[in-house]
């Protein structure tokens, strides 16, 4: 694993990790979830290592400054499209001809936003795993209202860069600016299966086909994770060209099953390009 850097159009240097393969044709770009980077989340490291051992370069694309997220999560959700585009263009710059765009958790919402709004055809395949119905999340996460109220007050007082005195949602330290930006991130409300609040146009506009991947014990997607993902697929233009995969016993973060997650991703990619080369519409 090596460090990789990419410059966004706004001039910000994004940093990530690259697991290089001996071949130089296919690359997977994985957008990380909230409060997650390659140093903290073994799911990302396991996936990167397995893909690189099987002829596929893996680029773990961190947004904003989440690469250095050891204590405080900081993101600019208004720049989601640009951050994803930056990593796609970086892969093109490095010469990769086949690009798979993947996301985990909130990273999936980010790639849906990009794929549903881009005019480019750089991405050949997508893997959406464990996405979030954000408006539903607000309803079930602890202390959300308190976080939003305090963040709003602090930003108005000019204290936007200060860290709130309690964990956002009970799990992540965040600055007031990030919390308020999260609340206002209409561009990430693209999986409204449970809340019915958000948009589905981005899903419908996705051009490549791909996979919706979920664990059977993913508590973020309600009582029926597979049905959650099947509904997302139904909102795409050609659901019959995509697949929905449920991994038995896996949680939202695939705790204890990172290798299974990595193997599933690898199998999806292999099957797609084999079928594509044979001209099969599956």
C-alpha atoms as a PDB file:
ATOM      1  CA  UNK A   1       0.000   0.000   0.000  1.00  0.00           C
ATOM      2  CA  UNK A   2       1.263   3.451  -0.962  1.00  0.00           C
ATOM      3  CA  UNK A   3      -0.027   6.945  -0.316  1.00  0.00           C
ATOM      4  CA  UNK A   4      -1.656   8.618  -3.306  1.00  0.00           C
ATOM      5  CA  UNK A   5      -2.544  12.285  -3.753  1.00  0.00           C
ATOM      6  CA  UNK A   6      -5.005  14.014  -6.074  1.00  0.00           C
ATOM      7  CA  UNK A   7      -5.751  17.712  -6.497  1.00  0.00           C
ATOM      8  CA  UNK A   8      -9.420  18.696  -6.568  1.00  0.00           C
ATOM      9  CA  UNK A   9     -10.569  21.520  -8.840  1.00  0.00           C
ATOM     10  CA  UNK A  10     -10.924  23.808  -5.818  1.00  0.00           C
ATOM     11  CA  UNK A  11      -7.205  23.324  -5.121  1.00  0.00           C
ATOM     12  CA  UNK A  12      -7.538  21.000  -2.130  1.00  0.00           C
ATOM     13  CA  UNK A  13      -5.140  18.068  -1.994  1.00  0.00           C
ATOM     14  CA  UNK A  14      -7.024  14.845  -1.365  1.00  0.00           C
ATOM     15  CA  UNK A  15      -5.037  11.932  -0.030  1.00  0.00           C
ATOM     16  CA  UNK A  16      -5.747   8.243  -0.177  1.00  0.00           C
ATOM     17  CA  UNK A  17      -4.167   4.838  -0.488  1.00  0.00           C
ATOM     18  CA  UNK A  18      -3.344   2.768  -3.555  1.00  0.00           C
ATOM     19  CA  UNK A  19      -2.835  -0.989  -3.672  1.00  0.00           C
ATOM     20  CA  UNK A  20      -1.073  -1.522  -6.974  1.00  0.00           C
ATOM     21  CA  UNK A  21      -1.533  -4.600  -9.084  1.00  0.00           C
ATOM     22  CA  UNK A  22       1.116  -6.041 -11.358  1.00  0.00           C
ATOM     23  CA  UNK A  23      -1.318  -5.385 -14.200  1.00  0.00           C
ATOM     24  CA  UNK A  24      -2.143  -1.848 -15.290  1.00  0.00           C
ATOM     25  CA  UNK A  25      -5.582  -2.035 -16.851  1.00  0.00           C
ATOM     26  CA  UNK A  26      -8.342  -2.148 -14.212  1.00  0.00           C
ATOM     27  CA  UNK A  27      -8.804  -0.086 -11.069  1.00  0.00           C
ATOM     28  CA  UNK A  28     -11.414   0.002  -8.356  1.00  0.00           C
ATOM     29  CA  UNK A  29     -11.987   3.332  -6.575  1.00  0.00           C
ATOM     30  CA  UNK A  30     -13.547   2.939  -3.141  1.00  0.00           C
ATOM     31  CA  UNK A  31     -15.097   5.983  -1.430  1.00  0.00           C
ATOM     32  CA  UNK A  32     -15.064   5.606   2.335  1.00  0.00           C
ATOM     33  CA  UNK A  33     -17.878   6.122   4.813  1.00  0.00           C
ATOM     34  CA  UNK A  34     -18.214   8.620   7.622  1.00  0.00           C
ATOM     35  CA  UNK A  35     -15.358   8.668  10.139  1.00  0.00           C
ATOM     36  CA  UNK A  36     -13.586   5.960   8.145  1.00  0.00           C
ATOM     37  CA  UNK A  37     -10.233   5.694   6.460  1.00  0.00           C
ATOM     38  CA  UNK A  38      -7.798   3.017   5.422  1.00  0.00           C
ATOM     39  CA  UNK A  39      -5.924   3.179   8.749  1.00  0.00           C
ATOM     40  CA  UNK A  40      -9.044   2.572  10.821  1.00  0.00           C
ATOM     41  CA  UNK A  41     -11.260   0.336   8.707  1.00  0.00           C
ATOM     42  CA  UNK A  42      -9.938  -3.162   8.018  1.00  0.00           C
ATOM     43  CA  UNK A  43     -12.662  -3.634   5.405  1.00  0.00           C
ATOM     44  CA  UNK A  44     -10.844  -1.157   3.162  1.00  0.00           C
ATOM     45  CA  UNK A  45      -7.408  -2.678   3.735  1.00  0.00           C
ATOM     46  CA  UNK A  46      -8.641  -6.240   3.198  1.00  0.00           C
ATOM     47  CA  UNK A  47     -10.347  -5.251  -0.058  1.00  0.00           C
ATOM     48  CA  UNK A  48      -7.322  -3.363  -1.332  1.00  0.00           C
ATOM     49  CA  UNK A  49      -4.939  -6.226  -0.635  1.00  0.00           C
ATOM     50  CA  UNK A  50      -7.111  -8.930  -2.184  1.00  0.00           C
ATOM     51  CA  UNK A  51      -7.848  -6.969  -5.350  1.00  0.00           C
ATOM     52  CA  UNK A  52      -4.187  -6.071  -5.915  1.00  0.00           C
ATOM     53  CA  UNK A  53      -3.267  -9.752  -5.530  1.00  0.00           C
ATOM     54  CA  UNK A  54      -5.765 -10.569  -8.269  1.00  0.00           C
ATOM     55  CA  UNK A  55      -4.797  -8.126 -10.995  1.00  0.00           C
ATOM     56  CA  UNK A  56      -6.930  -5.149  -9.952  1.00  0.00           C
ATOM     57  CA  UNK A  57      -5.488  -1.943  -8.541  1.00  0.00           C
ATOM     58  CA  UNK A  58      -7.482  -0.559  -5.608  1.00  0.00           C
ATOM     59  CA  UNK A  59      -7.580   3.154  -4.828  1.00  0.00           C
ATOM     60  CA  UNK A  60      -9.097   4.063  -1.466  1.00  0.00           C
ATOM     61  CA  UNK A  61     -10.346   7.600  -2.076  1.00  0.00           C
ATOM     62  CA  UNK A  62     -10.722   9.723   1.014  1.00  0.00           C
ATOM     63  CA  UNK A  63     -12.782  12.887   0.810  1.00  0.00           C
ATOM     64  CA  UNK A  64     -11.728  16.275   2.170  1.00  0.00           C
ATOM     65  CA  UNK A  65      -9.373  15.532   5.097  1.00  0.00           C
ATOM     66  CA  UNK A  66     -10.774  12.183   6.278  1.00  0.00           C
ATOM     67  CA  UNK A  67      -7.395  10.629   5.432  1.00  0.00           C
ATOM     68  CA  UNK A  68      -6.042  12.112   8.664  1.00  0.00           C
ATOM     69  CA  UNK A  69      -9.169  11.272  10.662  1.00  0.00           C
ATOM     70  CA  UNK A  70      -7.722   9.768  13.798  1.00  0.00           C
ATOM     71  CA  UNK A  71      -9.794  11.806  16.257  1.00  0.00           C
ATOM     72  CA  UNK A  72     -12.132  14.289  14.528  1.00  0.00           C
ATOM     73  CA  UNK A  73     -14.199  13.779  11.396  1.00  0.00           C
ATOM     74  CA  UNK A  74     -14.241  16.798   9.094  1.00  0.00           C
ATOM     75  CA  UNK A  75     -15.859  16.895   5.671  1.00  0.00           C
ATOM     76  CA  UNK A  76     -17.359  19.392   3.233  1.00  0.00           C
ATOM     77  CA  UNK A  77     -20.497  17.691   1.938  1.00  0.00           C
ATOM     78  CA  UNK A  78     -21.162  20.436  -0.594  1.00  0.00           C
ATOM     79  CA  UNK A  79     -18.053  19.166  -2.442  1.00  0.00           C
ATOM     80  CA  UNK A  80     -19.097  15.506  -2.676  1.00  0.00           C
ATOM     81  CA  UNK A  81     -19.375  15.446  -6.479  1.00  0.00           C
ATOM     82  CA  UNK A  82     -16.009  17.144  -6.921  1.00  0.00           C
ATOM     83  CA  UNK A  83     -14.280  14.814  -4.458  1.00  0.00           C
ATOM     84  CA  UNK A  84     -15.518  11.678  -6.237  1.00  0.00           C
ATOM     85  CA  UNK A  85     -14.736  13.162  -9.649  1.00  0.00           C
ATOM     86  CA  UNK A  86     -11.206  13.949  -8.474  1.00  0.00           C
ATOM     87  CA  UNK A  87     -10.489  10.277  -7.800  1.00  0.00           C
ATOM     88  CA  UNK A  88     -12.072   9.143 -11.067  1.00  0.00           C
ATOM     89  CA  UNK A  89      -9.943  11.618 -13.013  1.00  0.00           C
ATOM     90  CA  UNK A  90      -6.868  10.500 -11.050  1.00  0.00           C
ATOM     91  CA  UNK A  91      -7.438   6.912 -12.145  1.00  0.00           C
ATOM     92  CA  UNK A  92      -7.787   8.075 -15.738  1.00  0.00           C
ATOM     93  CA  UNK A  93      -4.592  10.099 -15.398  1.00  0.00           C
ATOM     94  CA  UNK A  94      -2.778   6.982 -14.167  1.00  0.00           C
ATOM     95  CA  UNK A  95      -3.825   5.171 -17.315  1.00  0.00           C
ATOM     96  CA  UNK A  96      -6.490   2.769 -16.078  1.00  0.00           C
ATOM     97  CA  UNK A  97      -8.843   1.815 -18.894  1.00  0.00           C
ATOM     98  CA  UNK A  98     -11.495   0.030 -16.825  1.00  0.00           C
ATOM     99  CA  UNK A  99     -12.766   1.802 -13.726  1.00  0.00           C
ATOM    100  CA  UNK A 100     -15.047   0.384 -11.046  1.00  0.00           C
ATOM    101  CA  UNK A 101     -16.514   2.955  -8.676  1.00  0.00           C
ATOM    102  CA  UNK A 102     -17.458   1.622  -5.261  1.00  0.00           C
ATOM    103  CA  UNK A 103     -18.577   3.036  -1.966  1.00  0.00           C
ATOM    104  CA  UNK A 104     -19.164   1.814   1.553  1.00  0.00           C
ATOM    105  CA  UNK A 105     -21.787   3.345   3.864  1.00  0.00           C
ATOM    106  CA  UNK A 106     -21.931   7.117   3.235  1.00  0.00           C
ATOM    107  CA  UNK A 107     -19.344   6.566   0.500  1.00  0.00           C
ATOM    108  CA  UNK A 108     -22.108   4.796  -1.434  1.00  0.00           C
ATOM    109  CA  UNK A 109     -24.362   7.843  -1.200  1.00  0.00           C
ATOM    110  CA  UNK A 110     -21.448   9.861  -2.543  1.00  0.00           C
ATOM    111  CA  UNK A 111     -20.887   7.681  -5.593  1.00  0.00           C
ATOM    112  CA  UNK A 112     -24.635   7.616  -6.327  1.00  0.00           C
ATOM    113  CA  UNK A 113     -24.537  11.416  -6.381  1.00  0.00           C
ATOM    114  CA  UNK A 114     -21.599  11.395  -8.791  1.00  0.00           C
ATOM    115  CA  UNK A 115     -22.888   8.644 -11.088  1.00  0.00           C
ATOM    116  CA  UNK A 116     -26.335  10.181 -11.260  1.00  0.00           C
ATOM    117  CA  UNK A 117     -25.066  13.604 -12.243  1.00  0.00           C
ATOM    118  CA  UNK A 118     -21.932  13.130 -14.328  1.00  0.00           C
ATOM    119  CA  UNK A 119     -21.939  13.583 -18.098  1.00  0.00           C
ATOM    120  CA  UNK A 120     -18.772  11.506 -18.426  1.00  0.00           C
ATOM    121  CA  UNK A 121     -18.620   7.792 -19.216  1.00  0.00           C
ATOM    122  CA  UNK A 122     -15.441   6.977 -17.326  1.00  0.00           C
ATOM    123  CA  UNK A 123     -16.957   4.411 -14.960  1.00  0.00           C
ATOM    124  CA  UNK A 124     -17.568   0.883 -16.277  1.00  0.00           C
ATOM    125  CA  UNK A 125     -19.182  -0.682 -13.209  1.00  0.00           C
ATOM    126  CA  UNK A 126     -20.385   0.333  -9.745  1.00  0.00           C
ATOM    127  CA  UNK A 127     -20.626  -1.370  -6.363  1.00  0.00           C
ATOM    128  CA  UNK A 128     -22.960   0.298  -3.859  1.00  0.00           C
ATOM    129  CA  UNK A 129     -22.530  -1.277  -0.430  1.00  0.00           C
ATOM    130  CA  UNK A 130     -24.356  -0.466   2.808  1.00  0.00           C
ATOM    131  CA  UNK A 131     -25.739   2.971   1.791  1.00  0.00           C
ATOM    132  CA  UNK A 132     -27.702   5.163   4.195  1.00  0.00           C
ATOM    133  CA  UNK A 133     -31.197   6.592   4.112  1.00  0.00           C
ATOM    134  CA  UNK A 134     -30.012   9.764   5.807  1.00  0.00           C
ATOM    135  CA  UNK A 135     -33.400  11.111   6.834  1.00  0.00           C
ATOM    136  CA  UNK A 136     -34.191   7.772   8.474  1.00  0.00           C
ATOM    137  CA  UNK A 137     -30.802   7.891  10.170  1.00  0.00           C
ATOM    138  CA  UNK A 138     -31.694  11.205  11.765  1.00  0.00           C
ATOM    139  CA  UNK A 139     -34.733   9.506  13.289  1.00  0.00           C
ATOM    140  CA  UNK A 140     -32.874   6.621  14.933  1.00  0.00           C
ATOM    141  CA  UNK A 141     -29.433   7.987  15.884  1.00  0.00           C
ATOM    142  CA  UNK A 142     -28.984   9.247  19.481  1.00  0.00           C
ATOM    143  CA  UNK A 143     -28.582  12.963  20.331  1.00  0.00           C
ATOM    144  CA  UNK A 144     -28.998  14.052  16.683  1.00  0.00           C
ATOM    145  CA  UNK A 145     -31.326  16.982  17.462  1.00  0.00           C
ATOM    146  CA  UNK A 146     -29.012  18.203  20.216  1.00  0.00           C
ATOM    147  CA  UNK A 147     -26.052  18.034  17.838  1.00  0.00           C
ATOM    148  CA  UNK A 148     -27.830  19.958  15.109  1.00  0.00           C
ATOM    149  CA  UNK A 149     -29.115  22.638  17.486  1.00  0.00           C
ATOM    150  CA  UNK A 150     -25.700  23.215  19.025  1.00  0.00           C
ATOM    151  CA  UNK A 151     -23.935  23.128  15.642  1.00  0.00           C
ATOM    152  CA  UNK A 152     -26.323  25.731  14.250  1.00  0.00           C
ATOM    153  CA  UNK A 153     -25.760  27.983  17.265  1.00  0.00           C
ATOM    154  CA  UNK A 154     -21.976  27.640  17.172  1.00  0.00           C
ATOM    155  CA  UNK A 155     -21.751  28.355  13.438  1.00  0.00           C
ATOM    156  CA  UNK A 156     -23.846  31.501  13.946  1.00  0.00           C
ATOM    157  CA  UNK A 157     -21.410  32.523  16.706  1.00  0.00           C
ATOM    158  CA  UNK A 158     -18.389  31.977  14.443  1.00  0.00           C
ATOM    159  CA  UNK A 159     -17.319  28.776  16.197  1.00  0.00           C
ATOM    160  CA  UNK A 160     -17.798  26.474  13.223  1.00  0.00           C
ATOM    161  CA  UNK A 161     -14.364  24.875  13.524  1.00  0.00           C
ATOM    162  CA  UNK A 162     -14.860  23.950  17.180  1.00  0.00           C
ATOM    163  CA  UNK A 163     -15.580  20.328  18.072  1.00  0.00           C
ATOM    164  CA  UNK A 164     -18.928  19.597  19.692  1.00  0.00           C
ATOM    165  CA  UNK A 165     -18.636  18.417  23.323  1.00  0.00           C
ATOM    166  CA  UNK A 166     -20.296  15.047  22.581  1.00  0.00           C
ATOM    167  CA  UNK A 167     -20.109  12.432  19.854  1.00  0.00           C
ATOM    168  CA  UNK A 168     -22.270  12.919  16.785  1.00  0.00           C
ATOM    169  CA  UNK A 169     -24.763  10.060  16.694  1.00  0.00           C
ATOM    170  CA  UNK A 170     -22.964   8.567  19.683  1.00  0.00           C
ATOM    171  CA  UNK A 171     -19.890   7.502  17.705  1.00  0.00           C
ATOM    172  CA  UNK A 172     -18.028  10.358  16.018  1.00  0.00           C
ATOM    173  CA  UNK A 173     -16.444  13.633  17.161  1.00  0.00           C
ATOM    174  CA  UNK A 174     -17.242  16.389  14.664  1.00  0.00           C
ATOM    175  CA  UNK A 175     -16.825  20.105  14.189  1.00  0.00           C
ATOM    176  CA  UNK A 176     -19.919  22.294  14.164  1.00  0.00           C
ATOM    177  CA  UNK A 177     -19.393  23.074  10.454  1.00  0.00           C
ATOM    178  CA  UNK A 178     -19.330  19.388   9.528  1.00  0.00           C
ATOM    179  CA  UNK A 179     -22.443  18.573  11.560  1.00  0.00           C
ATOM    180  CA  UNK A 180     -24.422  21.428  10.028  1.00  0.00           C
ATOM    181  CA  UNK A 181     -23.150  20.576   6.560  1.00  0.00           C
ATOM    182  CA  UNK A 182     -24.265  16.998   7.058  1.00  0.00           C
ATOM    183  CA  UNK A 183     -27.733  18.179   8.049  1.00  0.00           C
ATOM    184  CA  UNK A 184     -27.996  20.337   4.917  1.00  0.00           C
ATOM    185  CA  UNK A 185     -26.524  17.764   2.505  1.00  0.00           C
ATOM    186  CA  UNK A 186     -29.440  17.369   0.100  1.00  0.00           C
ATOM    187  CA  UNK A 187     -27.047  15.758  -2.397  1.00  0.00           C
ATOM    188  CA  UNK A 188     -26.693  12.708  -0.135  1.00  0.00           C
ATOM    189  CA  UNK A 189     -30.396  12.078   0.437  1.00  0.00           C
ATOM    190  CA  UNK A 190     -30.552   9.689  -2.499  1.00  0.00           C
ATOM    191  CA  UNK A 191     -31.582   6.428  -0.793  1.00  0.00           C
ATOM    192  CA  UNK A 192     -35.012   7.324   0.677  1.00  0.00           C
ATOM    193  CA  UNK A 193     -36.329   3.780   1.087  1.00  0.00           C
ATOM    194  CA  UNK A 194     -37.471   4.055   4.714  1.00  0.00           C
ATOM    195  CA  UNK A 195     -37.996   7.780   5.229  1.00  0.00           C
ATOM    196  CA  UNK A 196     -39.553   8.497   1.808  1.00  0.00           C
ATOM    197  CA  UNK A 197     -37.704  11.820   2.048  1.00  0.00           C
ATOM    198  CA  UNK A 198     -35.152  12.510  -0.652  1.00  0.00           C
ATOM    199  CA  UNK A 199     -34.639  12.023  -4.369  1.00  0.00           C
ATOM    200  CA  UNK A 200     -34.312   8.949  -6.589  1.00  0.00           C
ATOM    201  CA  UNK A 201     -33.379  10.744  -9.813  1.00  0.00           C
ATOM    202  CA  UNK A 202     -29.673  10.115  -9.212  1.00  0.00           C
ATOM    203  CA  UNK A 203     -30.247   6.355  -9.056  1.00  0.00           C
ATOM    204  CA  UNK A 204     -32.329   6.473 -12.243  1.00  0.00           C
ATOM    205  CA  UNK A 205     -29.640   8.434 -14.091  1.00  0.00           C
ATOM    206  CA  UNK A 206     -26.816   5.981 -13.352  1.00  0.00           C
ATOM    207  CA  UNK A 207     -25.498   4.755 -16.697  1.00  0.00           C
ATOM    208  CA  UNK A 208     -23.307   1.709 -15.934  1.00  0.00           C
ATOM    209  CA  UNK A 209     -24.740  -1.416 -14.386  1.00  0.00           C
ATOM    210  CA  UNK A 210     -23.485  -2.757 -11.091  1.00  0.00           C
ATOM    211  CA  UNK A 211     -24.070  -4.444  -7.751  1.00  0.00           C
ATOM    212  CA  UNK A 212     -25.947  -3.498  -4.589  1.00  0.00           C
ATOM    213  CA  UNK A 213     -24.224  -5.243  -1.665  1.00  0.00           C
ATOM    214  CA  UNK A 214     -25.506  -5.486   1.917  1.00  0.00           C
ATOM    215  CA  UNK A 215     -25.125  -7.552   5.082  1.00  0.00           C
ATOM    216  CA  UNK A 216     -28.151  -9.419   6.442  1.00  0.00           C
ATOM    217  CA  UNK A 217     -27.608  -7.781   9.850  1.00  0.00           C
ATOM    218  CA  UNK A 218     -27.168  -4.206   8.605  1.00  0.00           C
ATOM    219  CA  UNK A 219     -29.150  -2.255  11.211  1.00  0.00           C
ATOM    220  CA  UNK A 220     -28.935   1.021   9.259  1.00  0.00           C
ATOM    221  CA  UNK A 221     -31.280  -0.268   6.553  1.00  0.00           C
ATOM    222  CA  UNK A 222     -34.232  -1.353   8.707  1.00  0.00           C
ATOM    223  CA  UNK A 223     -35.507  -4.841   9.372  1.00  0.00           C
ATOM    224  CA  UNK A 224     -35.026  -6.158   5.840  1.00  0.00           C
ATOM    225  CA  UNK A 225     -31.654  -5.103   4.392  1.00  0.00           C
ATOM    226  CA  UNK A 226     -32.057  -7.063   1.153  1.00  0.00           C
ATOM    227  CA  UNK A 227     -35.459  -5.497   0.473  1.00  0.00           C
ATOM    228  CA  UNK A 228     -33.861  -2.088   1.105  1.00  0.00           C
ATOM    229  CA  UNK A 229     -31.281  -2.753  -1.600  1.00  0.00           C
ATOM    230  CA  UNK A 230     -33.805  -4.272  -3.981  1.00  0.00           C
ATOM    231  CA  UNK A 231     -35.829  -1.073  -3.769  1.00  0.00           C
ATOM    232  CA  UNK A 232     -32.761   1.003  -4.620  1.00  0.00           C
ATOM    233  CA  UNK A 233     -32.183  -1.219  -7.624  1.00  0.00           C
ATOM    234  CA  UNK A 234     -35.792  -0.806  -8.745  1.00  0.00           C
ATOM    235  CA  UNK A 235     -35.223   2.940  -8.915  1.00  0.00           C
ATOM    236  CA  UNK A 236     -32.440   2.479 -11.479  1.00  0.00           C
ATOM    237  CA  UNK A 237     -33.198   2.676 -15.187  1.00  0.00           C
ATOM    238  CA  UNK A 238     -32.369  -0.963 -15.921  1.00  0.00           C
ATOM    239  CA  UNK A 239     -32.678  -2.965 -12.678  1.00  0.00           C
ATOM    240  CA  UNK A 240     -32.558  -6.267 -14.571  1.00  0.00           C
ATOM    241  CA  UNK A 241     -28.928  -5.516 -15.509  1.00  0.00           C
ATOM    242  CA  UNK A 242     -27.848  -5.126 -11.873  1.00  0.00           C
ATOM    243  CA  UNK A 243     -27.578  -7.607  -9.032  1.00  0.00           C
ATOM    244  CA  UNK A 244     -28.424  -7.473  -5.339  1.00  0.00           C
ATOM    245  CA  UNK A 245     -26.226  -9.495  -2.984  1.00  0.00           C
ATOM    246  CA  UNK A 246     -26.882 -10.104   0.701  1.00  0.00           C
ATOM    247  CA  UNK A 247     -24.052 -11.500   2.829  1.00  0.00           C
ATOM    248  CA  UNK A 248     -25.480 -13.671   5.569  1.00  0.00           C
ATOM    249  CA  UNK A 249     -24.604 -12.581   9.111  1.00  0.00           C
ATOM    250  CA  UNK A 250     -22.727  -9.426   8.091  1.00  0.00           C
ATOM    251  CA  UNK A 251     -23.280  -6.118   9.885  1.00  0.00           C
ATOM    252  CA  UNK A 252     -23.107  -2.610   8.445  1.00  0.00           C
ATOM    253  CA  UNK A 253     -19.325  -2.520   8.828  1.00  0.00           C
ATOM    254  CA  UNK A 254     -18.894  -6.249   8.062  1.00  0.00           C
ATOM    255  CA  UNK A 255     -17.236  -6.727  11.456  1.00  0.00           C
ATOM    256  CA  UNK A 256     -15.379 -10.033  11.462  1.00  0.00           C
ATOM    257  CA  UNK A 257     -16.287 -10.555   7.815  1.00  0.00           C
ATOM    258  CA  UNK A 258     -13.963  -8.137   6.033  1.00  0.00           C
ATOM    259  CA  UNK A 259     -12.399 -10.939   4.005  1.00  0.00           C
ATOM    260  CA  UNK A 260     -15.851 -12.060   2.861  1.00  0.00           C
ATOM    261  CA  UNK A 261     -16.642  -8.499   1.800  1.00  0.00           C
ATOM    262  CA  UNK A 262     -13.387  -8.306  -0.172  1.00  0.00           C
ATOM    263  CA  UNK A 263     -13.996 -11.686  -1.837  1.00  0.00           C
ATOM    264  CA  UNK A 264     -17.553 -10.670  -2.789  1.00  0.00           C
ATOM    265  CA  UNK A 265     -16.307  -7.441  -4.378  1.00  0.00           C
ATOM    266  CA  UNK A 266     -13.629  -9.333  -6.284  1.00  0.00           C
ATOM    267  CA  UNK A 267     -16.146 -11.894  -7.547  1.00  0.00           C
ATOM    268  CA  UNK A 268     -18.516  -9.136  -8.700  1.00  0.00           C
ATOM    269  CA  UNK A 269     -15.783  -7.465 -10.711  1.00  0.00           C
ATOM    270  CA  UNK A 270     -14.546 -10.699 -12.267  1.00  0.00           C
ATOM    271  CA  UNK A 271     -18.041 -11.821 -13.201  1.00  0.00           C
ATOM    272  CA  UNK A 272     -18.905  -8.468 -14.714  1.00  0.00           C
ATOM    273  CA  UNK A 273     -15.907  -8.285 -17.002  1.00  0.00           C
ATOM    274  CA  UNK A 274     -16.180 -11.953 -17.988  1.00  0.00           C
ATOM    275  CA  UNK A 275     -19.820 -11.467 -18.916  1.00  0.00           C
ATOM    276  CA  UNK A 276     -19.026  -8.183 -20.651  1.00  0.00           C
ATOM    277  CA  UNK A 277     -16.316  -9.800 -22.769  1.00  0.00           C
ATOM    278  CA  UNK A 278     -18.771 -12.556 -23.724  1.00  0.00           C
ATOM    279  CA  UNK A 279     -21.490 -10.060 -24.565  1.00  0.00           C
ATOM    280  CA  UNK A 280     -23.911 -11.196 -21.879  1.00  0.00           C
ATOM    281  CA  UNK A 281     -26.428  -8.684 -20.507  1.00  0.00           C
ATOM    282  CA  UNK A 282     -26.383  -9.852 -16.894  1.00  0.00           C
END
